């Protein structure tokens, strides 16, 4: 990934959220240009992530559609898509469910923009509730991980270069250590 992206990502991470009755507005100052950019996230934009988090305890039963025919895992397609159109719920050996989506992205520029846009939305929806974000970037990947505590599921957004293509993956999985 390009080095000019790092200051932008750091600025987004350090941005605070201001809560209003019907919307949240975040002002981000970019260190390279000292320009402010206002972005508004409405409660409706947070409803999908909130519904997914609320569905975690029930094993995402409300979003499961048809079962995937797989002899090795219990897996279902879903009617809710955070990214792309191929999202599934998987039940692990311990009986815990995880929600995951994966989608190909055509270009590196599109990959970076898509990742940053979703990470920003997640940040604006989750940080006001006390979630902590960590982000790691390498030459071929960006990982954004959101953690609240040891009992709440972990949210991961990963964007990787695989061969000549790029893929983004979104996952809500059991808490770390379980």
N, C-alpha and C. Protein backbone atom coordinates (compact mmCIF):
# COMPACT_ATOMS: atom_id res chain seq x y z
N UNK A 1 0.85 -1.17 0.00
CA UNK A 1 0.00 0.00 0.00
C UNK A 1 0.90 1.24 0.00
N UNK A 2 0.39 2.30 -0.47
CA UNK A 2 1.18 3.52 -0.61
C UNK A 2 1.45 4.18 0.74
N UNK A 3 2.64 4.81 0.87
CA UNK A 3 3.02 5.47 2.12
C UNK A 3 2.17 6.70 2.43
N UNK A 4 1.58 7.34 1.40
CA UNK A 4 0.77 8.51 1.66
C UNK A 4 -0.54 8.16 2.37
N UNK A 5 -0.90 6.92 2.40
CA UNK A 5 -2.13 6.48 3.04
C UNK A 5 -1.98 6.48 4.57
N UNK A 6 -0.79 6.22 5.07
CA UNK A 6 -0.58 6.09 6.51
C UNK A 6 -1.01 7.35 7.26
N UNK A 7 -0.62 8.58 6.84
CA UNK A 7 -1.09 9.76 7.58
C UNK A 7 -2.61 9.88 7.59
N UNK A 8 -3.25 9.51 6.49
CA UNK A 8 -4.72 9.58 6.44
C UNK A 8 -5.34 8.59 7.41
N UNK A 9 -4.79 7.39 7.46
CA UNK A 9 -5.33 6.36 8.35
C UNK A 9 -5.13 6.79 9.80
N UNK A 10 -3.96 7.33 10.12
CA UNK A 10 -3.70 7.79 11.48
C UNK A 10 -4.67 8.89 11.85
N UNK A 11 -4.94 9.79 10.93
CA UNK A 11 -5.87 10.88 11.20
C UNK A 11 -7.27 10.35 11.48
N UNK A 12 -7.68 9.35 10.72
CA UNK A 12 -9.00 8.75 10.95
C UNK A 12 -9.06 8.06 12.30
N UNK A 13 -7.99 7.38 12.69
CA UNK A 13 -7.97 6.67 13.97
C UNK A 13 -8.06 7.67 15.12
N UNK A 14 -7.39 8.79 14.98
CA UNK A 14 -7.35 9.75 16.06
C UNK A 14 -8.59 10.66 16.10
N UNK A 15 -9.43 10.57 15.06
CA UNK A 15 -10.62 11.43 15.00
C UNK A 15 -11.61 11.06 16.09
N UNK A 16 -12.22 12.05 16.69
CA UNK A 16 -13.23 11.80 17.72
C UNK A 16 -14.62 11.88 17.14
N UNK A 17 -15.60 11.42 17.87
CA UNK A 17 -16.99 11.46 17.43
C UNK A 17 -17.77 12.40 18.34
N UNK A 18 -18.66 13.17 17.76
CA UNK A 18 -19.55 14.04 18.50
C UNK A 18 -20.96 13.54 18.30
N UNK A 19 -21.65 13.23 19.36
CA UNK A 19 -22.98 12.65 19.26
C UNK A 19 -24.05 13.71 19.27
N UNK A 20 -25.03 13.56 18.37
CA UNK A 20 -26.21 14.40 18.32
C UNK A 20 -27.41 13.50 18.45
N UNK A 21 -28.59 14.08 18.61
CA UNK A 21 -29.78 13.28 18.79
C UNK A 21 -30.05 12.36 17.60
N UNK A 22 -29.92 12.87 16.37
CA UNK A 22 -30.28 12.05 15.23
C UNK A 22 -29.14 11.75 14.28
N UNK A 23 -27.93 12.19 14.58
CA UNK A 23 -26.80 11.89 13.73
C UNK A 23 -25.49 12.10 14.47
N UNK A 24 -24.42 11.56 13.88
CA UNK A 24 -23.09 11.74 14.43
C UNK A 24 -22.26 12.44 13.38
N UNK A 25 -21.53 13.49 13.77
CA UNK A 25 -20.67 14.21 12.85
C UNK A 25 -19.25 14.10 13.35
N UNK A 26 -18.34 13.74 12.45
CA UNK A 26 -16.93 13.66 12.79
C UNK A 26 -16.16 14.62 11.91
N UNK A 27 -15.28 15.40 12.50
CA UNK A 27 -14.40 16.27 11.75
C UNK A 27 -13.00 15.70 11.82
N UNK A 28 -12.42 15.45 10.67
CA UNK A 28 -11.09 14.88 10.60
C UNK A 28 -10.14 15.89 10.00
N UNK A 29 -9.02 16.14 10.63
CA UNK A 29 -8.01 17.03 10.09
C UNK A 29 -6.88 16.20 9.56
N UNK A 30 -6.61 16.33 8.28
CA UNK A 30 -5.53 15.59 7.65
C UNK A 30 -4.23 16.31 7.90
N UNK A 31 -3.22 15.59 8.38
CA UNK A 31 -1.96 16.21 8.77
C UNK A 31 -1.19 16.78 7.59
N UNK A 32 -1.40 16.26 6.39
CA UNK A 32 -0.61 16.73 5.25
C UNK A 32 -1.17 18.01 4.65
N UNK A 33 -2.48 18.28 4.81
CA UNK A 33 -3.05 19.46 4.18
C UNK A 33 -3.70 20.42 5.16
N UNK A 34 -3.88 19.99 6.41
CA UNK A 34 -4.55 20.79 7.42
C UNK A 34 -5.94 21.25 6.99
N UNK A 35 -6.64 20.43 6.21
CA UNK A 35 -8.01 20.71 5.81
C UNK A 35 -8.94 19.84 6.62
N UNK A 36 -10.09 20.39 6.99
CA UNK A 36 -11.08 19.61 7.72
C UNK A 36 -12.10 19.05 6.75
N UNK A 37 -12.49 17.81 7.00
CA UNK A 37 -13.48 17.14 6.18
C UNK A 37 -14.57 16.66 7.12
N UNK A 38 -15.83 17.08 6.89
CA UNK A 38 -16.93 16.65 7.75
C UNK A 38 -17.65 15.48 7.09
N UNK A 39 -17.92 14.49 7.90
CA UNK A 39 -18.64 13.32 7.45
C UNK A 39 -19.76 13.06 8.43
N UNK A 40 -20.95 12.79 7.92
CA UNK A 40 -22.09 12.53 8.78
C UNK A 40 -22.51 11.08 8.62
N UNK A 41 -22.65 10.41 9.75
CA UNK A 41 -23.16 9.04 9.76
C UNK A 41 -24.48 9.08 10.49
N UNK A 42 -25.53 8.65 9.81
CA UNK A 42 -26.85 8.63 10.43
C UNK A 42 -27.04 7.33 11.18
N UNK A 43 -27.98 7.29 12.14
CA UNK A 43 -28.24 6.05 12.88
C UNK A 43 -28.57 4.88 11.96
N UNK A 44 -29.22 5.14 10.83
CA UNK A 44 -29.55 4.07 9.88
C UNK A 44 -28.32 3.37 9.33
N UNK A 45 -27.22 4.12 9.18
CA UNK A 45 -25.99 3.53 8.67
C UNK A 45 -25.34 2.62 9.70
N UNK A 46 -25.67 2.81 10.96
CA UNK A 46 -25.13 1.96 12.02
C UNK A 46 -26.06 0.79 12.32
N UNK A 47 -27.26 0.81 11.77
CA UNK A 47 -28.23 -0.24 12.12
C UNK A 47 -27.78 -1.62 11.66
N UNK A 48 -27.15 -1.74 10.51
CA UNK A 48 -26.71 -3.06 10.04
C UNK A 48 -25.69 -3.66 11.00
N UNK A 49 -24.69 -2.89 11.38
CA UNK A 49 -23.68 -3.42 12.30
C UNK A 49 -24.28 -3.69 13.66
N UNK A 50 -25.18 -2.82 14.14
CA UNK A 50 -25.84 -3.05 15.43
C UNK A 50 -26.71 -4.31 15.38
N UNK A 51 -27.44 -4.52 14.29
CA UNK A 51 -28.25 -5.72 14.15
C UNK A 51 -27.40 -6.98 14.12
N UNK A 52 -26.27 -6.91 13.44
CA UNK A 52 -25.36 -8.07 13.41
C UNK A 52 -24.81 -8.36 14.80
N UNK A 53 -24.39 -7.34 15.51
CA UNK A 53 -23.87 -7.54 16.86
C UNK A 53 -24.95 -8.10 17.79
N UNK A 54 -26.17 -7.60 17.66
CA UNK A 54 -27.28 -8.12 18.46
C UNK A 54 -27.60 -9.57 18.10
N UNK A 55 -27.38 -9.96 16.85
CA UNK A 55 -27.66 -11.32 16.41
C UNK A 55 -26.59 -12.33 16.78
N UNK A 56 -25.46 -11.86 17.27
CA UNK A 56 -24.36 -12.76 17.62
C UNK A 56 -24.78 -13.79 18.67
N UNK A 57 -25.45 -13.35 19.73
CA UNK A 57 -25.85 -14.25 20.82
C UNK A 57 -26.74 -15.39 20.36
N UNK A 58 -27.58 -15.14 19.35
CA UNK A 58 -28.49 -16.18 18.85
C UNK A 58 -27.88 -16.97 17.71
N UNK A 59 -26.60 -16.80 17.46
CA UNK A 59 -25.95 -17.51 16.36
C UNK A 59 -26.33 -16.96 15.00
N UNK A 60 -26.72 -15.68 14.97
CA UNK A 60 -27.13 -15.00 13.74
C UNK A 60 -28.34 -15.67 13.08
N UNK A 61 -29.19 -16.32 13.88
CA UNK A 61 -30.34 -17.06 13.34
C UNK A 61 -31.25 -16.20 12.47
N UNK A 62 -31.41 -14.93 12.79
CA UNK A 62 -32.33 -14.07 12.05
C UNK A 62 -31.86 -13.74 10.64
N UNK A 63 -30.59 -13.95 10.32
CA UNK A 63 -30.09 -13.61 8.98
C UNK A 63 -29.72 -14.84 8.16
N UNK A 64 -29.82 -16.03 8.73
CA UNK A 64 -29.49 -17.25 8.00
C UNK A 64 -30.56 -17.53 6.94
N UNK A 65 -30.11 -17.97 5.78
CA UNK A 65 -31.06 -18.40 4.75
C UNK A 65 -30.85 -19.89 4.53
N UNK A 66 -30.31 -20.29 3.40
CA UNK A 66 -30.15 -21.72 3.14
C UNK A 66 -28.81 -22.25 3.63
N UNK A 67 -28.82 -23.51 4.03
CA UNK A 67 -27.62 -24.16 4.54
C UNK A 67 -26.71 -24.53 3.37
N UNK A 68 -25.41 -24.32 3.56
CA UNK A 68 -24.41 -24.68 2.56
C UNK A 68 -24.11 -26.16 2.74
N UNK A 69 -24.11 -26.89 1.65
CA UNK A 69 -23.84 -28.33 1.71
C UNK A 69 -22.34 -28.54 1.85
N UNK A 70 -21.90 -28.75 3.09
CA UNK A 70 -20.48 -28.91 3.38
C UNK A 70 -20.37 -29.93 4.52
N UNK A 71 -19.67 -31.03 4.26
CA UNK A 71 -19.56 -32.09 5.27
C UNK A 71 -18.62 -31.74 6.43
N UNK A 72 -17.83 -30.68 6.31
CA UNK A 72 -16.84 -30.35 7.33
C UNK A 72 -17.30 -29.28 8.31
N UNK A 73 -18.20 -28.41 7.89
CA UNK A 73 -18.66 -27.34 8.78
C UNK A 73 -20.17 -27.15 8.64
N UNK A 74 -20.76 -26.54 9.65
CA UNK A 74 -22.15 -26.10 9.57
C UNK A 74 -22.11 -24.65 9.13
N UNK A 75 -22.63 -24.38 7.94
CA UNK A 75 -22.52 -23.05 7.37
C UNK A 75 -23.81 -22.70 6.63
N UNK A 76 -24.22 -21.41 6.73
CA UNK A 76 -25.42 -20.93 6.07
C UNK A 76 -25.11 -19.67 5.30
N UNK A 77 -25.80 -19.46 4.19
CA UNK A 77 -25.76 -18.17 3.50
C UNK A 77 -26.62 -17.21 4.31
N UNK A 78 -26.43 -15.91 4.06
CA UNK A 78 -27.18 -14.92 4.83
C UNK A 78 -27.95 -13.96 3.92
N UNK A 79 -28.90 -13.25 4.50
CA UNK A 79 -29.62 -12.21 3.77
C UNK A 79 -29.12 -10.82 4.13
N UNK A 80 -28.04 -10.74 4.87
CA UNK A 80 -27.43 -9.46 5.27
C UNK A 80 -25.99 -9.46 4.80
N UNK A 81 -25.61 -8.39 4.09
CA UNK A 81 -24.27 -8.33 3.50
C UNK A 81 -23.58 -7.03 3.88
N UNK A 82 -22.55 -7.13 4.71
CA UNK A 82 -21.76 -5.96 5.08
C UNK A 82 -20.91 -5.52 3.89
N UNK A 83 -20.30 -6.47 3.21
CA UNK A 83 -19.55 -6.20 1.97
C UNK A 83 -19.88 -7.31 0.99
N UNK A 84 -19.85 -7.01 -0.28
CA UNK A 84 -20.09 -8.02 -1.30
C UNK A 84 -21.45 -8.68 -1.19
N UNK A 85 -21.58 -9.82 -1.86
CA UNK A 85 -22.86 -10.54 -1.88
C UNK A 85 -22.70 -11.98 -1.39
N UNK A 86 -21.53 -12.33 -0.90
CA UNK A 86 -21.28 -13.69 -0.43
C UNK A 86 -20.94 -13.68 1.06
N UNK A 87 -21.97 -13.66 1.88
CA UNK A 87 -21.76 -13.68 3.32
C UNK A 87 -22.32 -14.97 3.89
N UNK A 88 -21.64 -15.48 4.91
CA UNK A 88 -22.05 -16.73 5.52
C UNK A 88 -21.97 -16.65 7.04
N UNK A 89 -22.69 -17.55 7.68
CA UNK A 89 -22.59 -17.77 9.12
C UNK A 89 -22.03 -19.17 9.27
N UNK A 90 -20.98 -19.31 10.09
CA UNK A 90 -20.35 -20.60 10.31
C UNK A 90 -20.41 -20.93 11.79
N UNK A 91 -20.75 -22.16 12.10
CA UNK A 91 -20.79 -22.64 13.48
C UNK A 91 -19.51 -23.44 13.72
N UNK A 92 -18.70 -23.03 14.73
CA UNK A 92 -17.46 -23.75 14.99
C UNK A 92 -17.71 -24.98 15.88
N UNK A 93 -16.68 -25.74 16.15
CA UNK A 93 -16.81 -26.97 16.95
C UNK A 93 -17.32 -26.71 18.35
N UNK A 94 -17.09 -25.51 18.88
CA UNK A 94 -17.55 -25.16 20.22
C UNK A 94 -18.99 -24.67 20.23
N UNK A 95 -19.62 -24.62 19.06
CA UNK A 95 -20.99 -24.15 18.97
C UNK A 95 -21.13 -22.64 18.86
N UNK A 96 -20.02 -21.94 18.64
CA UNK A 96 -20.05 -20.49 18.51
C UNK A 96 -20.13 -20.12 17.03
N UNK A 97 -20.95 -19.12 16.74
CA UNK A 97 -21.15 -18.70 15.36
C UNK A 97 -20.27 -17.51 15.02
N UNK A 98 -19.89 -17.43 13.76
CA UNK A 98 -19.21 -16.25 13.24
C UNK A 98 -19.87 -15.87 11.92
N UNK A 99 -19.82 -14.59 11.62
CA UNK A 99 -20.38 -14.03 10.39
C UNK A 99 -19.22 -13.54 9.56
N UNK A 100 -19.17 -13.92 8.29
CA UNK A 100 -18.08 -13.47 7.45
C UNK A 100 -18.55 -13.20 6.03
N UNK A 101 -17.92 -12.19 5.43
CA UNK A 101 -18.18 -11.81 4.04
C UNK A 101 -16.83 -11.64 3.37
N UNK A 102 -16.78 -11.99 2.10
CA UNK A 102 -15.56 -11.77 1.33
C UNK A 102 -15.96 -11.32 -0.06
N UNK A 103 -15.22 -10.37 -0.60
CA UNK A 103 -15.51 -9.88 -1.93
C UNK A 103 -14.22 -9.50 -2.65
N UNK A 104 -14.15 -9.80 -3.94
CA UNK A 104 -12.99 -9.34 -4.71
C UNK A 104 -13.12 -7.84 -5.00
N UNK A 105 -11.98 -7.17 -5.08
CA UNK A 105 -11.96 -5.75 -5.43
C UNK A 105 -11.00 -5.61 -6.60
N UNK A 106 -11.35 -4.79 -7.58
CA UNK A 106 -10.61 -4.78 -8.83
C UNK A 106 -9.21 -4.16 -8.77
N UNK A 107 -9.08 -3.00 -8.16
CA UNK A 107 -7.80 -2.32 -8.20
C UNK A 107 -7.32 -1.99 -6.79
N UNK A 108 -6.04 -1.71 -6.66
CA UNK A 108 -5.47 -1.35 -5.37
C UNK A 108 -6.09 -0.06 -4.85
N UNK A 109 -6.29 0.92 -5.72
CA UNK A 109 -6.90 2.18 -5.31
C UNK A 109 -8.31 1.95 -4.80
N UNK A 110 -9.11 1.15 -5.51
CA UNK A 110 -10.47 0.84 -5.09
C UNK A 110 -10.44 0.06 -3.77
N UNK A 111 -9.47 -0.82 -3.62
CA UNK A 111 -9.33 -1.61 -2.40
C UNK A 111 -9.11 -0.71 -1.20
N UNK A 112 -8.18 0.22 -1.31
CA UNK A 112 -7.86 1.13 -0.22
C UNK A 112 -9.07 2.00 0.12
N UNK A 113 -9.71 2.56 -0.90
CA UNK A 113 -10.87 3.42 -0.67
C UNK A 113 -12.01 2.65 0.00
N UNK A 114 -12.29 1.44 -0.47
CA UNK A 114 -13.37 0.63 0.11
C UNK A 114 -13.07 0.30 1.57
N UNK A 115 -11.85 -0.11 1.84
CA UNK A 115 -11.46 -0.44 3.22
C UNK A 115 -11.61 0.79 4.12
N UNK A 116 -11.06 1.91 3.69
CA UNK A 116 -11.10 3.12 4.50
C UNK A 116 -12.54 3.58 4.75
N UNK A 117 -13.39 3.46 3.74
CA UNK A 117 -14.78 3.89 3.88
C UNK A 117 -15.50 3.04 4.93
N UNK A 118 -15.38 1.72 4.84
CA UNK A 118 -16.05 0.85 5.81
C UNK A 118 -15.42 0.98 7.19
N UNK A 119 -14.10 1.07 7.28
CA UNK A 119 -13.44 1.24 8.58
C UNK A 119 -13.90 2.54 9.24
N UNK A 120 -14.05 3.58 8.45
CA UNK A 120 -14.50 4.86 8.98
C UNK A 120 -15.93 4.75 9.51
N UNK A 121 -16.80 4.08 8.76
CA UNK A 121 -18.18 3.89 9.21
C UNK A 121 -18.22 3.08 10.50
N UNK A 122 -17.45 1.99 10.55
CA UNK A 122 -17.39 1.18 11.76
C UNK A 122 -16.88 1.99 12.94
N UNK A 123 -15.84 2.77 12.70
CA UNK A 123 -15.26 3.61 13.76
C UNK A 123 -16.30 4.57 14.30
N UNK A 124 -17.04 5.21 13.42
CA UNK A 124 -18.03 6.18 13.85
C UNK A 124 -19.20 5.51 14.59
N UNK A 125 -19.52 4.29 14.21
CA UNK A 125 -20.62 3.58 14.87
C UNK A 125 -20.19 2.94 16.18
N UNK A 126 -18.94 2.52 16.30
CA UNK A 126 -18.51 1.72 17.45
C UNK A 126 -17.75 2.49 18.53
N UNK A 127 -16.97 3.49 18.16
CA UNK A 127 -16.14 4.14 19.17
C UNK A 127 -16.97 4.90 20.20
N UNK A 128 -18.13 5.39 19.82
CA UNK A 128 -18.96 6.10 20.81
C UNK A 128 -19.49 5.14 21.86
N UNK A 129 -19.47 3.83 21.58
CA UNK A 129 -19.89 2.82 22.55
C UNK A 129 -18.70 2.22 23.29
N UNK A 130 -17.49 2.78 23.08
CA UNK A 130 -16.32 2.35 23.82
C UNK A 130 -15.45 1.31 23.14
N UNK A 131 -15.73 0.98 21.88
CA UNK A 131 -14.91 0.01 21.16
C UNK A 131 -13.53 0.60 20.88
N UNK A 132 -12.52 -0.26 20.86
CA UNK A 132 -11.15 0.12 20.56
C UNK A 132 -10.79 -0.42 19.19
N UNK A 133 -10.16 0.40 18.36
CA UNK A 133 -9.73 -0.02 17.03
C UNK A 133 -8.22 -0.13 16.98
N UNK A 134 -7.74 -1.20 16.39
CA UNK A 134 -6.32 -1.28 16.06
C UNK A 134 -6.23 -1.51 14.56
N UNK A 135 -5.21 -0.95 13.97
CA UNK A 135 -5.05 -1.08 12.52
C UNK A 135 -3.60 -1.40 12.21
N UNK A 136 -3.43 -2.32 11.28
CA UNK A 136 -2.10 -2.71 10.84
C UNK A 136 -2.08 -2.66 9.32
N UNK A 137 -1.01 -2.11 8.79
CA UNK A 137 -0.87 -2.00 7.34
C UNK A 137 0.48 -2.55 6.92
N UNK A 138 0.47 -3.35 5.87
CA UNK A 138 1.70 -3.85 5.26
C UNK A 138 1.68 -3.44 3.79
N UNK A 139 2.69 -3.87 3.06
CA UNK A 139 2.76 -3.54 1.65
C UNK A 139 1.60 -4.15 0.86
N UNK A 140 1.02 -5.24 1.34
CA UNK A 140 -0.03 -5.91 0.58
C UNK A 140 -1.33 -6.10 1.35
N UNK A 141 -1.47 -5.46 2.52
CA UNK A 141 -2.69 -5.65 3.29
C UNK A 141 -2.96 -4.52 4.27
N UNK A 142 -4.23 -4.42 4.67
CA UNK A 142 -4.66 -3.53 5.74
C UNK A 142 -5.61 -4.33 6.61
N UNK A 143 -5.40 -4.29 7.92
CA UNK A 143 -6.28 -4.96 8.87
C UNK A 143 -6.80 -3.93 9.86
N UNK A 144 -8.11 -3.89 10.04
CA UNK A 144 -8.73 -3.06 11.07
C UNK A 144 -9.49 -3.99 11.99
N UNK A 145 -9.16 -3.96 13.27
CA UNK A 145 -9.80 -4.84 14.24
C UNK A 145 -10.46 -3.98 15.32
N UNK A 146 -11.71 -4.33 15.65
CA UNK A 146 -12.47 -3.60 16.65
C UNK A 146 -12.80 -4.54 17.80
N UNK A 147 -12.44 -4.13 19.02
CA UNK A 147 -12.63 -4.94 20.22
C UNK A 147 -13.28 -4.08 21.29
N UNK A 148 -14.26 -4.65 22.00
CA UNK A 148 -14.89 -3.94 23.11
C UNK A 148 -14.41 -4.50 24.44
N UNK A 149 -14.57 -5.80 24.64
CA UNK A 149 -14.15 -6.45 25.88
C UNK A 149 -13.98 -7.95 25.60
N UNK A 150 -13.78 -8.74 26.64
CA UNK A 150 -13.52 -10.17 26.45
C UNK A 150 -14.79 -10.99 26.26
N UNK A 151 -15.96 -10.36 26.32
CA UNK A 151 -17.22 -11.08 26.16
C UNK A 151 -17.95 -10.74 24.87
N UNK A 152 -17.54 -9.67 24.22
CA UNK A 152 -18.18 -9.19 23.01
C UNK A 152 -17.40 -9.70 21.79
N UNK A 153 -18.09 -10.04 20.71
CA UNK A 153 -17.36 -10.54 19.54
C UNK A 153 -16.38 -9.51 18.99
N UNK A 154 -15.41 -10.01 18.26
CA UNK A 154 -14.38 -9.18 17.62
C UNK A 154 -14.80 -8.93 16.18
N UNK A 155 -14.63 -7.70 15.73
CA UNK A 155 -14.94 -7.34 14.34
C UNK A 155 -13.63 -7.10 13.62
N UNK A 156 -13.46 -7.77 12.49
CA UNK A 156 -12.24 -7.62 11.71
C UNK A 156 -12.58 -7.26 10.27
N UNK A 157 -11.91 -6.27 9.74
CA UNK A 157 -11.98 -5.90 8.34
C UNK A 157 -10.58 -6.07 7.79
N UNK A 158 -10.42 -6.96 6.84
CA UNK A 158 -9.09 -7.25 6.29
C UNK A 158 -9.13 -7.08 4.78
N UNK A 159 -8.14 -6.41 4.25
CA UNK A 159 -8.02 -6.23 2.81
C UNK A 159 -6.63 -6.70 2.42
N UNK A 160 -6.60 -7.68 1.50
CA UNK A 160 -5.33 -8.32 1.14
C UNK A 160 -5.16 -8.41 -0.36
N UNK A 161 -3.91 -8.41 -0.78
CA UNK A 161 -3.59 -8.72 -2.15
C UNK A 161 -3.34 -10.22 -2.21
N UNK A 162 -4.04 -10.88 -3.13
CA UNK A 162 -3.86 -12.32 -3.33
C UNK A 162 -3.60 -12.55 -4.80
N UNK A 163 -2.36 -12.92 -5.14
CA UNK A 163 -2.00 -13.07 -6.55
C UNK A 163 -2.08 -11.72 -7.23
N UNK A 164 -2.83 -11.66 -8.33
CA UNK A 164 -2.99 -10.40 -9.07
C UNK A 164 -4.23 -9.62 -8.62
N UNK A 165 -4.98 -10.16 -7.69
CA UNK A 165 -6.21 -9.50 -7.27
C UNK A 165 -6.18 -9.05 -5.83
N UNK A 166 -7.25 -8.40 -5.42
CA UNK A 166 -7.41 -7.90 -4.07
C UNK A 166 -8.73 -8.39 -3.51
N UNK A 167 -8.75 -8.69 -2.22
CA UNK A 167 -9.95 -9.18 -1.55
C UNK A 167 -10.15 -8.44 -0.24
N UNK A 168 -11.41 -8.15 0.04
CA UNK A 168 -11.76 -7.60 1.34
C UNK A 168 -12.60 -8.63 2.07
N UNK A 169 -12.36 -8.74 3.37
CA UNK A 169 -13.08 -9.70 4.22
C UNK A 169 -13.55 -8.98 5.47
N UNK A 170 -14.80 -9.20 5.81
CA UNK A 170 -15.39 -8.64 7.01
C UNK A 170 -15.83 -9.82 7.87
N UNK A 171 -15.54 -9.76 9.17
CA UNK A 171 -15.89 -10.88 10.04
C UNK A 171 -16.28 -10.40 11.43
N UNK A 172 -17.33 -11.02 11.97
CA UNK A 172 -17.69 -10.88 13.38
C UNK A 172 -17.51 -12.27 13.97
N UNK A 173 -16.56 -12.40 14.88
CA UNK A 173 -16.18 -13.72 15.40
C UNK A 173 -16.21 -13.72 16.93
N UNK A 174 -16.16 -14.91 17.51
CA UNK A 174 -16.15 -15.00 18.99
C UNK A 174 -15.02 -14.18 19.58
N UNK A 175 -15.20 -13.72 20.82
CA UNK A 175 -14.16 -12.92 21.49
C UNK A 175 -12.83 -13.67 21.54
N UNK A 176 -11.77 -12.90 21.61
CA UNK A 176 -10.44 -13.49 21.71
C UNK A 176 -10.34 -14.34 22.96
N UNK A 177 -9.68 -15.45 22.86
CA UNK A 177 -9.47 -16.32 24.02
C UNK A 177 -10.57 -17.34 24.22
N UNK A 178 -11.62 -17.32 23.43
CA UNK A 178 -12.69 -18.30 23.57
C UNK A 178 -12.59 -19.37 22.50
